[in-house]
Amino acid sequence: MKKIFVVIGGPDDDVLEVLTQYHTTSDLQEGVFVGVDGGCPKLIKENLPIDFAIGDFDSVSVNERQRIKEYAQEMIQLPCEKDVTDFEAALAWCVEHYPMNSIHILGAFGGRIDHQLSIIWIANQVKFQKILANLHFESLTNYLSFLLPGQHQLQKYPNMKYLSFITMNKVTNVSLKNVKYPLDGVNYDTPVALISNEFLTDTMTISFDEGLMITCQTNDK
């Protein structure tokens, strides 16, 4: 199944370098590229396609906007004053067109803290619940995804050192295996950040019965 690559306008890493760190050449050739506002010039710079462009484009120049319009297969320009962010509008498009595909978001880290929090807090919006497990936020030093109840085997990314888990609400019966700091059937009634754990081998197992968790793999710059 083809991967969906959503590139937003955050000031973090080189797009092509991030893509090649996590994905194969075949993934990129077969994937769908979505440019969100200031993320579009990043794709154009790397000669990567833009299958769909969306945003109010207030962060690009008039000339850049015209270039995006000519370059993209499809483009929707949103009003500057609206009730959703450009990223939320892009995700809604993904829900409509690719509800079962994995969605890989680049450009989410390194900018305004309110932007970063708004991106993570989409987990609380009902309209995105069915794709939460498909979302992957990727940069050179940060990987983030959501975990739903059940048992999950996680693979260590080669360039990452630390493994962290953040509970978004009440989480029950949390177990971590094959990590430096294991857990066995622990309950958390309120959100907690379990940070700076580490893999013991290339894989680990996490399980829990109730709630929503974020998993992060990170490294120092």
N, C-alpha and C. Protein backbone atom coordinates (compact mmCIF):
# COMPACT_ATOMS: atom_id res chain seq x y z
N MET A 1 0.84 -1.19 0.00
CA MET A 1 0.00 0.00 0.00
C MET A 1 0.88 1.25 0.00
N LYS A 2 0.56 2.21 -0.85
CA LYS A 2 1.40 3.40 -0.98
C LYS A 2 1.37 4.25 0.28
N LYS A 3 2.48 4.91 0.55
CA LYS A 3 2.59 5.80 1.70
C LYS A 3 2.21 7.23 1.30
N ILE A 4 1.66 7.96 2.27
CA ILE A 4 1.30 9.35 2.07
C ILE A 4 2.31 10.21 2.82
N PHE A 5 2.96 11.13 2.12
CA PHE A 5 3.96 12.01 2.73
C PHE A 5 3.39 13.43 2.79
N VAL A 6 3.23 13.92 4.01
CA VAL A 6 2.67 15.26 4.23
C VAL A 6 3.81 16.16 4.72
N VAL A 7 4.12 17.17 3.95
CA VAL A 7 5.24 18.07 4.28
C VAL A 7 4.67 19.42 4.66
N ILE A 8 4.92 19.82 5.92
CA ILE A 8 4.44 21.11 6.40
C ILE A 8 5.62 22.07 6.56
N GLY A 9 5.33 23.30 6.94
CA GLY A 9 6.31 24.36 6.79
C GLY A 9 7.23 24.62 7.96
N GLY A 10 7.33 23.69 8.91
CA GLY A 10 8.22 23.91 10.04
C GLY A 10 9.68 24.04 9.61
N PRO A 11 10.49 24.71 10.43
CA PRO A 11 11.88 25.00 10.04
C PRO A 11 12.86 23.89 10.35
N ASP A 12 12.40 22.64 10.35
CA ASP A 12 13.33 21.57 10.72
C ASP A 12 14.03 21.00 9.49
N ASP A 13 14.37 19.73 9.51
CA ASP A 13 15.41 19.17 8.66
C ASP A 13 15.12 19.18 7.16
N ASP A 14 16.16 18.90 6.43
CA ASP A 14 16.10 18.73 4.99
C ASP A 14 15.14 17.59 4.64
N VAL A 15 14.17 17.88 3.78
CA VAL A 15 13.10 16.92 3.48
C VAL A 15 13.65 15.63 2.89
N LEU A 16 14.51 15.74 1.90
CA LEU A 16 15.01 14.54 1.24
C LEU A 16 15.84 13.68 2.19
N GLU A 17 16.61 14.32 3.06
CA GLU A 17 17.43 13.57 4.02
C GLU A 17 16.55 12.80 4.99
N VAL A 18 15.46 13.42 5.44
CA VAL A 18 14.54 12.73 6.34
C VAL A 18 13.86 11.57 5.63
N LEU A 19 13.40 11.81 4.42
CA LEU A 19 12.72 10.76 3.66
C LEU A 19 13.61 9.54 3.46
N THR A 20 14.86 9.76 3.11
CA THR A 20 15.75 8.63 2.85
C THR A 20 16.20 7.95 4.14
N GLN A 21 16.08 8.63 5.28
CA GLN A 21 16.41 7.99 6.56
C GLN A 21 15.37 6.95 6.94
N TYR A 22 14.11 7.19 6.58
CA TYR A 22 13.02 6.32 7.03
C TYR A 22 12.43 5.44 5.92
N HIS A 23 12.64 5.79 4.65
CA HIS A 23 11.87 5.15 3.59
C HIS A 23 12.77 4.72 2.43
N THR A 24 12.30 3.72 1.70
CA THR A 24 13.04 3.20 0.56
C THR A 24 12.76 4.04 -0.69
N THR A 25 13.60 3.86 -1.69
CA THR A 25 13.39 4.54 -2.97
C THR A 25 12.04 4.16 -3.56
N SER A 26 11.66 2.90 -3.43
CA SER A 26 10.37 2.44 -3.93
C SER A 26 9.21 3.14 -3.22
N ASP A 27 9.34 3.32 -1.89
CA ASP A 27 8.31 4.04 -1.14
C ASP A 27 8.09 5.44 -1.72
N LEU A 28 9.19 6.11 -2.02
CA LEU A 28 9.11 7.49 -2.51
C LEU A 28 8.56 7.54 -3.94
N GLN A 29 8.95 6.58 -4.76
CA GLN A 29 8.47 6.56 -6.14
C GLN A 29 6.98 6.28 -6.22
N GLU A 30 6.47 5.46 -5.30
CA GLU A 30 5.07 5.07 -5.34
C GLU A 30 4.19 5.93 -4.44
N GLY A 31 4.80 6.79 -3.61
CA GLY A 31 4.05 7.53 -2.61
C GLY A 31 3.27 8.70 -3.17
N VAL A 32 2.40 9.24 -2.31
CA VAL A 32 1.61 10.43 -2.61
C VAL A 32 2.16 11.57 -1.76
N PHE A 33 2.47 12.71 -2.38
CA PHE A 33 3.07 13.83 -1.68
C PHE A 33 2.06 14.97 -1.53
N VAL A 34 1.86 15.37 -0.27
CA VAL A 34 0.94 16.45 0.05
C VAL A 34 1.76 17.61 0.62
N GLY A 35 1.70 18.75 -0.04
CA GLY A 35 2.39 19.94 0.44
C GLY A 35 1.43 20.84 1.18
N VAL A 36 1.81 21.24 2.38
CA VAL A 36 0.95 22.09 3.22
C VAL A 36 1.62 23.45 3.37
N ASP A 37 1.04 24.45 2.72
CA ASP A 37 1.51 25.83 2.81
C ASP A 37 3.02 25.91 2.58
N GLY A 38 3.79 26.32 3.60
CA GLY A 38 5.23 26.49 3.45
C GLY A 38 5.99 25.21 3.20
N GLY A 39 5.34 24.07 3.29
CA GLY A 39 5.99 22.81 2.95
C GLY A 39 6.14 22.60 1.46
N CYS A 40 5.32 23.31 0.67
CA CYS A 40 5.37 23.13 -0.79
C CYS A 40 6.72 23.53 -1.39
N PRO A 41 7.28 24.70 -1.03
CA PRO A 41 8.60 25.04 -1.58
C PRO A 41 9.68 24.03 -1.24
N LYS A 42 9.56 23.35 -0.09
CA LYS A 42 10.53 22.32 0.26
C LYS A 42 10.50 21.18 -0.76
N LEU A 43 9.30 20.77 -1.15
CA LEU A 43 9.16 19.69 -2.13
C LEU A 43 9.68 20.13 -3.49
N ILE A 44 9.36 21.35 -3.88
CA ILE A 44 9.82 21.86 -5.17
C ILE A 44 11.35 21.93 -5.20
N LYS A 45 11.94 22.38 -4.10
CA LYS A 45 13.40 22.50 -4.01
C LYS A 45 14.08 21.16 -4.25
N GLU A 46 13.47 20.07 -3.78
CA GLU A 46 14.06 18.73 -3.91
C GLU A 46 13.59 18.00 -5.16
N ASN A 47 12.86 18.71 -6.02
CA ASN A 47 12.32 18.10 -7.25
C ASN A 47 11.43 16.89 -6.95
N LEU A 48 10.76 16.96 -5.80
CA LEU A 48 9.79 15.93 -5.45
C LEU A 48 8.41 16.38 -5.91
N PRO A 49 7.52 15.45 -6.21
CA PRO A 49 6.20 15.84 -6.72
C PRO A 49 5.33 16.47 -5.63
N ILE A 50 4.35 17.23 -6.06
CA ILE A 50 3.27 17.67 -5.17
C ILE A 50 1.97 17.18 -5.80
N ASP A 51 1.43 16.11 -5.27
CA ASP A 51 0.18 15.58 -5.79
C ASP A 51 -1.01 16.42 -5.33
N PHE A 52 -0.88 17.01 -4.14
CA PHE A 52 -1.96 17.85 -3.62
C PHE A 52 -1.33 18.93 -2.75
N ALA A 53 -1.68 20.18 -3.00
CA ALA A 53 -1.20 21.31 -2.20
C ALA A 53 -2.40 21.97 -1.54
N ILE A 54 -2.24 22.32 -0.26
CA ILE A 54 -3.34 22.95 0.46
C ILE A 54 -2.78 23.92 1.49
N GLY A 55 -3.52 24.98 1.75
CA GLY A 55 -3.12 25.96 2.76
C GLY A 55 -3.65 27.34 2.41
N ASP A 56 -3.46 28.28 3.34
CA ASP A 56 -3.80 29.67 3.01
C ASP A 56 -2.61 30.36 2.34
N PHE A 57 -1.45 29.72 2.40
CA PHE A 57 -0.23 30.18 1.73
C PHE A 57 0.18 31.59 2.14
N ASP A 58 -0.06 31.88 3.43
CA ASP A 58 0.35 33.18 3.95
C ASP A 58 1.83 33.21 4.30
N SER A 59 2.49 32.05 4.27
CA SER A 59 3.91 31.99 4.61
C SER A 59 4.81 31.93 3.38
N VAL A 60 4.23 32.06 2.19
CA VAL A 60 5.03 32.07 0.96
C VAL A 60 4.78 33.37 0.21
N SER A 61 5.70 33.70 -0.67
CA SER A 61 5.56 34.93 -1.46
C SER A 61 4.55 34.73 -2.59
N VAL A 62 4.17 35.81 -3.22
CA VAL A 62 3.24 35.74 -4.36
C VAL A 62 3.85 34.90 -5.48
N ASN A 63 5.14 35.09 -5.73
CA ASN A 63 5.80 34.31 -6.78
C ASN A 63 5.85 32.83 -6.43
N GLU A 64 6.13 32.52 -5.15
CA GLU A 64 6.16 31.12 -4.73
C GLU A 64 4.77 30.49 -4.86
N ARG A 65 3.74 31.25 -4.52
CA ARG A 65 2.37 30.73 -4.62
C ARG A 65 2.03 30.39 -6.07
N GLN A 66 2.44 31.25 -6.99
CA GLN A 66 2.19 30.98 -8.40
C GLN A 66 2.96 29.76 -8.87
N ARG A 67 4.18 29.62 -8.39
CA ARG A 67 5.00 28.45 -8.74
C ARG A 67 4.35 27.17 -8.22
N ILE A 68 3.84 27.20 -7.00
CA ILE A 68 3.15 26.04 -6.43
C ILE A 68 1.93 25.68 -7.26
N LYS A 69 1.18 26.69 -7.67
CA LYS A 69 -0.03 26.47 -8.48
C LYS A 69 0.32 25.77 -9.79
N GLU A 70 1.43 26.16 -10.39
CA GLU A 70 1.85 25.56 -11.66
C GLU A 70 2.45 24.17 -11.46
N TYR A 71 3.08 23.95 -10.32
CA TYR A 71 3.84 22.72 -10.07
C TYR A 71 2.94 21.58 -9.57
N ALA A 72 1.97 21.91 -8.72
CA ALA A 72 1.16 20.88 -8.07
C ALA A 72 0.13 20.29 -9.03
N GLN A 73 -0.16 19.00 -8.83
CA GLN A 73 -1.21 18.36 -9.61
C GLN A 73 -2.58 18.93 -9.27
N GLU A 74 -2.77 19.24 -7.99
CA GLU A 74 -4.04 19.82 -7.52
C GLU A 74 -3.72 20.77 -6.37
N MET A 75 -4.44 21.88 -6.29
CA MET A 75 -4.17 22.87 -5.25
C MET A 75 -5.48 23.45 -4.74
N ILE A 76 -5.59 23.57 -3.42
CA ILE A 76 -6.72 24.25 -2.80
C ILE A 76 -6.17 25.36 -1.92
N GLN A 77 -6.60 26.59 -2.18
CA GLN A 77 -6.19 27.72 -1.34
C GLN A 77 -7.29 28.02 -0.35
N LEU A 78 -6.94 27.99 0.93
CA LEU A 78 -7.88 28.23 2.01
C LEU A 78 -7.84 29.70 2.42
N PRO A 79 -8.92 30.20 3.03
CA PRO A 79 -8.89 31.57 3.55
C PRO A 79 -7.94 31.67 4.74
N CYS A 80 -7.39 32.84 4.96
CA CYS A 80 -6.48 33.03 6.09
C CYS A 80 -7.21 32.93 7.42
N GLU A 81 -8.44 33.41 7.47
CA GLU A 81 -9.23 33.33 8.69
C GLU A 81 -10.16 32.13 8.60
N LYS A 82 -9.91 31.13 9.44
CA LYS A 82 -10.67 29.89 9.38
C LYS A 82 -10.61 29.20 10.73
N ASP A 83 -11.41 28.17 10.90
CA ASP A 83 -11.52 27.48 12.19
C ASP A 83 -10.62 26.26 12.30
N VAL A 84 -9.88 25.95 11.26
CA VAL A 84 -8.95 24.81 11.29
C VAL A 84 -7.59 25.28 10.82
N THR A 85 -6.55 24.57 11.22
CA THR A 85 -5.22 24.88 10.72
C THR A 85 -5.04 24.26 9.34
N ASP A 86 -4.02 24.73 8.63
CA ASP A 86 -3.72 24.15 7.32
C ASP A 86 -3.42 22.66 7.45
N PHE A 87 -2.71 22.29 8.52
CA PHE A 87 -2.38 20.88 8.72
C PHE A 87 -3.64 20.04 8.94
N GLU A 88 -4.58 20.55 9.73
CA GLU A 88 -5.83 19.83 9.95
C GLU A 88 -6.60 19.65 8.64
N ALA A 89 -6.58 20.67 7.80
CA ALA A 89 -7.26 20.57 6.50
C ALA A 89 -6.58 19.51 5.63
N ALA A 90 -5.26 19.44 5.69
CA ALA A 90 -4.54 18.43 4.92
C ALA A 90 -4.86 17.02 5.43
N LEU A 91 -4.93 16.87 6.75
CA LEU A 91 -5.27 15.56 7.31
C LEU A 91 -6.69 15.15 6.94
N ALA A 92 -7.61 16.11 6.93
CA ALA A 92 -8.99 15.81 6.53
C ALA A 92 -9.02 15.30 5.09
N TRP A 93 -8.19 15.86 4.23
CA TRP A 93 -8.09 15.38 2.85
C TRP A 93 -7.57 13.94 2.83
N CYS A 94 -6.58 13.66 3.67
CA CYS A 94 -6.04 12.29 3.75
C CYS A 94 -7.10 11.31 4.24
N VAL A 95 -7.89 11.72 5.23
CA VAL A 95 -8.96 10.87 5.75
C VAL A 95 -9.94 10.52 4.64
N GLU A 96 -10.26 11.51 3.81
CA GLU A 96 -11.23 11.30 2.74
C GLU A 96 -10.68 10.41 1.63
N HIS A 97 -9.42 10.60 1.26
CA HIS A 97 -8.88 9.92 0.09
C HIS A 97 -8.04 8.68 0.41
N TYR A 98 -7.38 8.66 1.57
CA TYR A 98 -6.48 7.55 1.91
C TYR A 98 -6.64 7.15 3.38
N PRO A 99 -7.83 6.73 3.78
CA PRO A 99 -8.08 6.46 5.21
C PRO A 99 -7.33 5.25 5.76
N MET A 100 -6.84 4.36 4.89
CA MET A 100 -6.17 3.14 5.34
C MET A 100 -4.65 3.20 5.19
N ASN A 101 -4.14 4.24 4.56
CA ASN A 101 -2.70 4.31 4.28
C ASN A 101 -1.93 4.92 5.44
N SER A 102 -0.65 4.57 5.53
CA SER A 102 0.21 5.22 6.52
C SER A 102 0.52 6.63 6.05
N ILE A 103 0.52 7.56 7.01
CA ILE A 103 0.71 8.98 6.71
C ILE A 103 1.95 9.46 7.45
N HIS A 104 2.91 9.99 6.72
CA HIS A 104 4.21 10.36 7.29
C HIS A 104 4.37 11.87 7.19
N ILE A 105 4.47 12.52 8.35
CA ILE A 105 4.46 13.98 8.42
C ILE A 105 5.87 14.50 8.66
N LEU A 106 6.33 15.38 7.81
CA LEU A 106 7.64 16.02 7.93
C LEU A 106 7.44 17.52 8.13
N GLY A 107 8.33 18.13 8.92
CA GLY A 107 8.25 19.57 9.14
C GLY A 107 7.47 19.95 10.37
N ALA A 108 7.18 18.98 11.26
CA ALA A 108 6.35 19.26 12.43
C ALA A 108 7.15 19.83 13.61
N PHE A 109 8.47 19.66 13.59
CA PHE A 109 9.28 20.01 14.76
C PHE A 109 10.18 21.21 14.49
N GLY A 110 10.53 21.91 15.56
CA GLY A 110 11.54 22.95 15.47
C GLY A 110 11.02 24.36 15.34
N GLY A 111 9.71 24.55 15.24
CA GLY A 111 9.16 25.89 15.10
C GLY A 111 8.44 26.35 16.35
N ARG A 112 7.33 27.07 16.16
CA ARG A 112 6.55 27.59 17.27
C ARG A 112 5.98 26.45 18.11
N ILE A 113 6.07 26.60 19.44
CA ILE A 113 5.60 25.55 20.33
C ILE A 113 4.09 25.37 20.22
N ASP A 114 3.33 26.46 19.97
CA ASP A 114 1.88 26.31 19.85
C ASP A 114 1.52 25.52 18.60
N HIS A 115 2.29 25.69 17.53
CA HIS A 115 2.07 24.89 16.33
C HIS A 115 2.32 23.41 16.61
N GLN A 116 3.41 23.13 17.32
CA GLN A 116 3.74 21.74 17.61
C GLN A 116 2.68 21.09 18.50
N LEU A 117 2.22 21.82 19.50
CA LEU A 117 1.18 21.28 20.38
C LEU A 117 -0.13 21.07 19.64
N SER A 118 -0.48 21.99 18.75
CA SER A 118 -1.73 21.84 18.00
C SER A 118 -1.68 20.61 17.11
N ILE A 119 -0.49 20.29 16.61
CA ILE A 119 -0.34 19.10 15.77
C ILE A 119 -0.55 17.83 16.60
N ILE A 120 0.04 17.79 17.79
CA ILE A 120 -0.12 16.61 18.65
C ILE A 120 -1.55 16.49 19.15
N TRP A 121 -2.18 17.62 19.42
CA TRP A 121 -3.53 17.61 20.00
C TRP A 121 -4.62 17.22 19.01
N ILE A 122 -4.25 16.99 17.75
CA ILE A 122 -5.26 16.46 16.83
C ILE A 122 -5.73 15.09 17.30
N ALA A 123 -4.95 14.45 18.18
CA ALA A 123 -5.34 13.15 18.72
C ALA A 123 -6.66 13.22 19.47
N ASN A 124 -7.04 14.42 19.94
CA ASN A 124 -8.28 14.58 20.69
C ASN A 124 -9.48 14.90 19.81
N GLN A 125 -9.27 15.05 18.51
CA GLN A 125 -10.37 15.38 17.62
C GLN A 125 -11.02 14.10 17.08
N VAL A 126 -12.32 14.02 17.23
CA VAL A 126 -13.06 12.82 16.85
C VAL A 126 -12.84 12.46 15.38
N LYS A 127 -12.78 13.47 14.52
CA LYS A 127 -12.70 13.20 13.08
C LYS A 127 -11.40 12.53 12.66
N PHE A 128 -10.38 12.56 13.54
CA PHE A 128 -9.10 11.95 13.20
C PHE A 128 -8.84 10.64 13.95
N GLN A 129 -9.80 10.20 14.75
CA GLN A 129 -9.58 9.01 15.57
C GLN A 129 -9.24 7.78 14.73
N LYS A 130 -9.89 7.63 13.59
CA LYS A 130 -9.71 6.41 12.82
C LYS A 130 -8.37 6.34 12.08
N ILE A 131 -7.62 7.45 12.04
CA ILE A 131 -6.31 7.40 11.37
C ILE A 131 -5.14 7.61 12.34
N LEU A 132 -5.42 7.73 13.64
CA LEU A 132 -4.34 8.02 14.59
C LEU A 132 -3.20 7.01 14.49
N ALA A 133 -3.55 5.74 14.41
CA ALA A 133 -2.52 4.70 14.36
C ALA A 133 -1.72 4.73 13.06
N ASN A 134 -2.20 5.49 12.06
CA ASN A 134 -1.51 5.57 10.77
C ASN A 134 -0.54 6.75 10.70
N LEU A 135 -0.53 7.61 11.72
CA LEU A 135 0.26 8.84 11.67
C LEU A 135 1.67 8.62 12.19
N HIS A 136 2.65 9.13 11.45
CA HIS A 136 4.06 9.03 11.84
C HIS A 136 4.71 10.39 11.60
N PHE A 137 5.22 10.99 12.67
CA PHE A 137 5.90 12.29 12.57
C PHE A 137 7.40 12.03 12.56
N GLU A 138 8.09 12.53 11.54
CA GLU A 138 9.47 12.12 11.32
C GLU A 138 10.39 13.32 11.09
N SER A 139 11.53 13.29 11.77
CA SER A 139 12.62 14.22 11.48
C SER A 139 13.93 13.47 11.69
N LEU A 140 15.05 14.14 11.50
CA LEU A 140 16.34 13.45 11.64
C LEU A 140 16.60 12.99 13.07
N THR A 141 16.06 13.71 14.06
CA THR A 141 16.35 13.38 15.46
C THR A 141 15.09 13.07 16.27
N ASN A 142 13.93 13.05 15.65
CA ASN A 142 12.69 12.78 16.37
C ASN A 142 11.74 11.94 15.52
N TYR A 143 11.18 10.92 16.15
CA TYR A 143 10.11 10.13 15.53
C TYR A 143 8.99 10.02 16.56
N LEU A 144 7.75 10.28 16.15
CA LEU A 144 6.62 10.25 17.07
C LEU A 144 5.44 9.58 16.38
N SER A 145 4.73 8.73 17.14
CA SER A 145 3.49 8.13 16.64
C SER A 145 2.56 7.86 17.81
N PHE A 146 1.31 7.54 17.50
CA PHE A 146 0.30 7.25 18.51
C PHE A 146 0.09 5.75 18.64
N LEU A 147 -0.18 5.30 19.86
CA LEU A 147 -0.47 3.89 20.11
C LEU A 147 -1.85 3.75 20.72
N LEU A 148 -2.64 2.85 20.16
CA LEU A 148 -3.95 2.50 20.70
C LEU A 148 -3.82 1.27 21.59
N PRO A 149 -4.82 0.98 22.42
CA PRO A 149 -4.73 -0.19 23.31
C PRO A 149 -4.44 -1.48 22.56
N GLY A 150 -3.67 -2.35 23.22
CA GLY A 150 -3.28 -3.62 22.62
C GLY A 150 -1.80 -3.87 22.84
N GLN A 151 -1.27 -4.84 22.13
CA GLN A 151 0.16 -5.16 22.20
C GLN A 151 0.84 -4.71 20.92
N HIS A 152 1.98 -4.04 21.06
CA HIS A 152 2.70 -3.51 19.91
C HIS A 152 4.18 -3.88 20.02
N GLN A 153 4.74 -4.34 18.93
CA GLN A 153 6.19 -4.56 18.86
C GLN A 153 6.79 -3.40 18.07
N LEU A 154 7.69 -2.67 18.71
CA LEU A 154 8.30 -1.50 18.09
C LEU A 154 9.72 -1.81 17.64
N GLN A 155 10.05 -1.30 16.47
CA GLN A 155 11.38 -1.48 15.90
C GLN A 155 12.23 -0.24 16.17
N LYS A 156 13.46 -0.45 16.56
CA LYS A 156 14.36 0.68 16.82
C LYS A 156 14.86 1.27 15.50
N TYR A 157 14.78 2.60 15.39
CA TYR A 157 15.37 3.27 14.25
C TYR A 157 16.87 3.44 14.49
N PRO A 158 17.71 3.16 13.50
CA PRO A 158 19.16 3.10 13.70
C PRO A 158 19.77 4.36 14.30
N ASN A 159 19.27 5.53 13.92
CA ASN A 159 19.89 6.78 14.36
C ASN A 159 19.34 7.31 15.67
N MET A 160 18.44 6.57 16.31
CA MET A 160 17.81 7.05 17.53
C MET A 160 18.38 6.34 18.76
N LYS A 161 18.47 7.06 19.87
CA LYS A 161 18.99 6.49 21.12
C LYS A 161 17.90 6.28 22.16
N TYR A 162 17.04 7.28 22.34
CA TYR A 162 16.08 7.25 23.44
C TYR A 162 14.70 6.81 22.98
N LEU A 163 13.98 6.17 23.90
CA LEU A 163 12.62 5.70 23.66
C LEU A 163 11.74 6.23 24.78
N SER A 164 10.69 6.96 24.44
CA SER A 164 9.83 7.56 25.45
C SER A 164 8.37 7.25 25.16
N PHE A 165 7.57 7.24 26.22
CA PHE A 165 6.13 7.04 26.11
C PHE A 165 5.42 8.11 26.91
N ILE A 166 4.42 8.72 26.31
CA ILE A 166 3.65 9.78 26.97
C ILE A 166 2.18 9.39 26.92
N THR A 167 1.56 9.31 28.09
CA THR A 167 0.14 8.96 28.14
C THR A 167 -0.68 10.22 27.91
N MET A 168 -1.73 10.11 27.09
CA MET A 168 -2.57 11.26 26.77
C MET A 168 -3.79 11.36 27.69
N ASN A 169 -4.08 10.28 28.40
CA ASN A 169 -5.25 10.24 29.29
C ASN A 169 -5.03 9.07 30.26
N LYS A 170 -6.10 8.59 30.86
CA LYS A 170 -5.96 7.44 31.75
C LYS A 170 -5.54 6.21 30.95
N VAL A 171 -4.47 5.55 31.40
CA VAL A 171 -3.95 4.37 30.71
C VAL A 171 -3.78 3.26 31.74
N THR A 172 -4.21 2.05 31.37
CA THR A 172 -4.19 0.95 32.33
C THR A 172 -3.35 -0.23 31.85
N ASN A 173 -2.77 -0.92 32.84
CA ASN A 173 -2.05 -2.19 32.63
C ASN A 173 -0.92 -2.04 31.62
N VAL A 174 -0.08 -1.04 31.83
CA VAL A 174 1.03 -0.77 30.91
C VAL A 174 2.21 -1.70 31.22
N SER A 175 2.67 -2.39 30.20
CA SER A 175 3.86 -3.24 30.33
C SER A 175 4.86 -2.89 29.24
N LEU A 176 6.12 -2.79 29.62
CA LEU A 176 7.22 -2.54 28.68
C LEU A 176 8.23 -3.67 28.83
N LYS A 177 8.57 -4.30 27.72
CA LYS A 177 9.51 -5.42 27.76
C LYS A 177 10.67 -5.17 26.79
N ASN A 178 11.81 -5.71 27.17
CA ASN A 178 13.03 -5.61 26.36
C ASN A 178 13.51 -4.17 26.24
N VAL A 179 13.39 -3.43 27.36
CA VAL A 179 13.90 -2.07 27.45
C VAL A 179 14.72 -1.92 28.72
N LYS A 180 15.47 -0.84 28.80
CA LYS A 180 16.33 -0.61 29.96
C LYS A 180 15.53 -0.48 31.25
N TYR A 181 14.35 0.17 31.16
CA TYR A 181 13.50 0.35 32.33
C TYR A 181 12.14 -0.29 32.05
N PRO A 182 11.97 -1.57 32.38
CA PRO A 182 10.72 -2.27 32.07
C PRO A 182 9.59 -1.89 33.04
N LEU A 183 8.37 -2.18 32.62
CA LEU A 183 7.19 -2.02 33.46
C LEU A 183 6.35 -3.28 33.35
N ASP A 184 5.55 -3.54 34.38
CA ASP A 184 4.69 -4.72 34.37
C ASP A 184 3.34 -4.39 34.98
N GLY A 185 2.35 -4.12 34.12
CA GLY A 185 0.98 -3.92 34.56
C GLY A 185 0.74 -2.68 35.39
N VAL A 186 1.33 -1.55 35.01
CA VAL A 186 1.20 -0.31 35.77
C VAL A 186 0.03 0.52 35.23
N ASN A 187 -0.71 1.17 36.14
CA ASN A 187 -1.82 2.04 35.77
C ASN A 187 -1.44 3.50 35.99
N TYR A 188 -1.90 4.37 35.09
CA TYR A 188 -1.70 5.81 35.24
C TYR A 188 -3.05 6.50 35.08
N ASP A 189 -3.52 7.15 36.13
CA ASP A 189 -4.83 7.80 36.10
C ASP A 189 -4.81 9.14 35.38
N THR A 190 -3.66 9.79 35.34
CA THR A 190 -3.52 11.08 34.66
C THR A 190 -2.32 11.01 33.73
N PRO A 191 -2.22 11.93 32.76
CA PRO A 191 -1.11 11.90 31.81
C PRO A 191 0.25 11.96 32.49
N VAL A 192 1.19 11.19 31.97
CA VAL A 192 2.54 11.14 32.52
C VAL A 192 3.52 10.93 31.37
N ALA A 193 4.73 11.47 31.53
CA ALA A 193 5.78 11.31 30.51
C ALA A 193 6.83 10.34 31.01
N LEU A 194 6.93 9.21 30.35
CA LEU A 194 7.92 8.18 30.69
C LEU A 194 9.05 8.31 29.67
N ILE A 195 10.03 9.16 29.97
CA ILE A 195 11.01 9.52 28.95
C ILE A 195 12.37 8.86 29.20
N SER A 196 13.19 8.91 28.15
CA SER A 196 14.60 8.50 28.20
C SER A 196 14.80 7.03 28.55
N ASN A 197 13.87 6.18 28.12
CA ASN A 197 14.11 4.74 28.17
C ASN A 197 15.00 4.38 26.98
N GLU A 198 15.40 3.12 26.88
CA GLU A 198 16.25 2.70 25.76
C GLU A 198 15.94 1.26 25.38
N PHE A 199 16.05 0.96 24.10
CA PHE A 199 15.96 -0.41 23.61
C PHE A 199 17.14 -1.23 24.15
N LEU A 200 16.89 -2.50 24.43
CA LEU A 200 17.99 -3.42 24.74
C LEU A 200 18.47 -4.14 23.49
N THR A 201 17.56 -4.35 22.54
CA THR A 201 17.91 -4.92 21.24
C THR A 201 17.21 -4.09 20.17
N ASP A 202 17.00 -4.64 19.01
CA ASP A 202 16.38 -3.88 17.93
C ASP A 202 14.87 -3.78 18.03
N THR A 203 14.26 -4.55 18.93
CA THR A 203 12.81 -4.50 19.09
C THR A 203 12.44 -4.49 20.57
N MET A 204 11.25 -3.97 20.86
CA MET A 204 10.69 -4.04 22.21
C MET A 204 9.19 -4.23 22.09
N THR A 205 8.55 -4.57 23.21
CA THR A 205 7.11 -4.79 23.22
C THR A 205 6.46 -3.92 24.28
N ILE A 206 5.40 -3.24 23.89
CA ILE A 206 4.58 -2.48 24.82
C ILE A 206 3.15 -2.97 24.71
N SER A 207 2.46 -3.06 25.84
CA SER A 207 1.05 -3.42 25.83
C SER A 207 0.32 -2.60 26.89
N PHE A 208 -0.94 -2.29 26.63
CA PHE A 208 -1.81 -1.64 27.61
C PHE A 208 -3.25 -1.88 27.20
N ASP A 209 -4.16 -1.72 28.17
CA ASP A 209 -5.56 -2.13 27.96
C ASP A 209 -6.50 -0.98 27.64
N GLU A 210 -6.15 0.24 28.06
CA GLU A 210 -7.09 1.35 27.94
C GLU A 210 -6.31 2.64 27.77
N GLY A 211 -6.83 3.57 26.95
CA GLY A 211 -6.22 4.88 26.83
C GLY A 211 -5.52 5.09 25.50
N LEU A 212 -4.74 6.17 25.44
CA LEU A 212 -4.00 6.55 24.24
C LEU A 212 -2.60 6.97 24.66
N MET A 213 -1.60 6.52 23.92
CA MET A 213 -0.21 6.85 24.23
C MET A 213 0.51 7.38 23.00
N ILE A 214 1.51 8.21 23.27
CA ILE A 214 2.46 8.64 22.25
C ILE A 214 3.76 7.89 22.48
N THR A 215 4.36 7.41 21.42
CA THR A 215 5.70 6.85 21.51
C THR A 215 6.66 7.73 20.73
N CYS A 216 7.83 7.97 21.29
CA CYS A 216 8.85 8.80 20.65
C CYS A 216 10.18 8.05 20.62
N GLN A 217 10.86 8.14 19.51
CA GLN A 217 12.27 7.77 19.45
C GLN A 217 13.04 9.04 19.11
N THR A 218 14.07 9.33 19.90
CA THR A 218 14.76 10.60 19.76
C THR A 218 16.26 10.44 19.89
N ASN A 219 16.95 11.49 19.49
CA ASN A 219 18.40 11.54 19.66
C ASN A 219 18.79 13.00 19.84
N ASP A 220 19.90 13.24 20.52
CA ASP A 220 20.39 14.60 20.68
C ASP A 220 21.00 15.06 19.37
N LYS A 221 20.86 16.34 19.08
CA LYS A 221 21.44 16.88 17.85
C LYS A 221 22.95 16.98 18.00
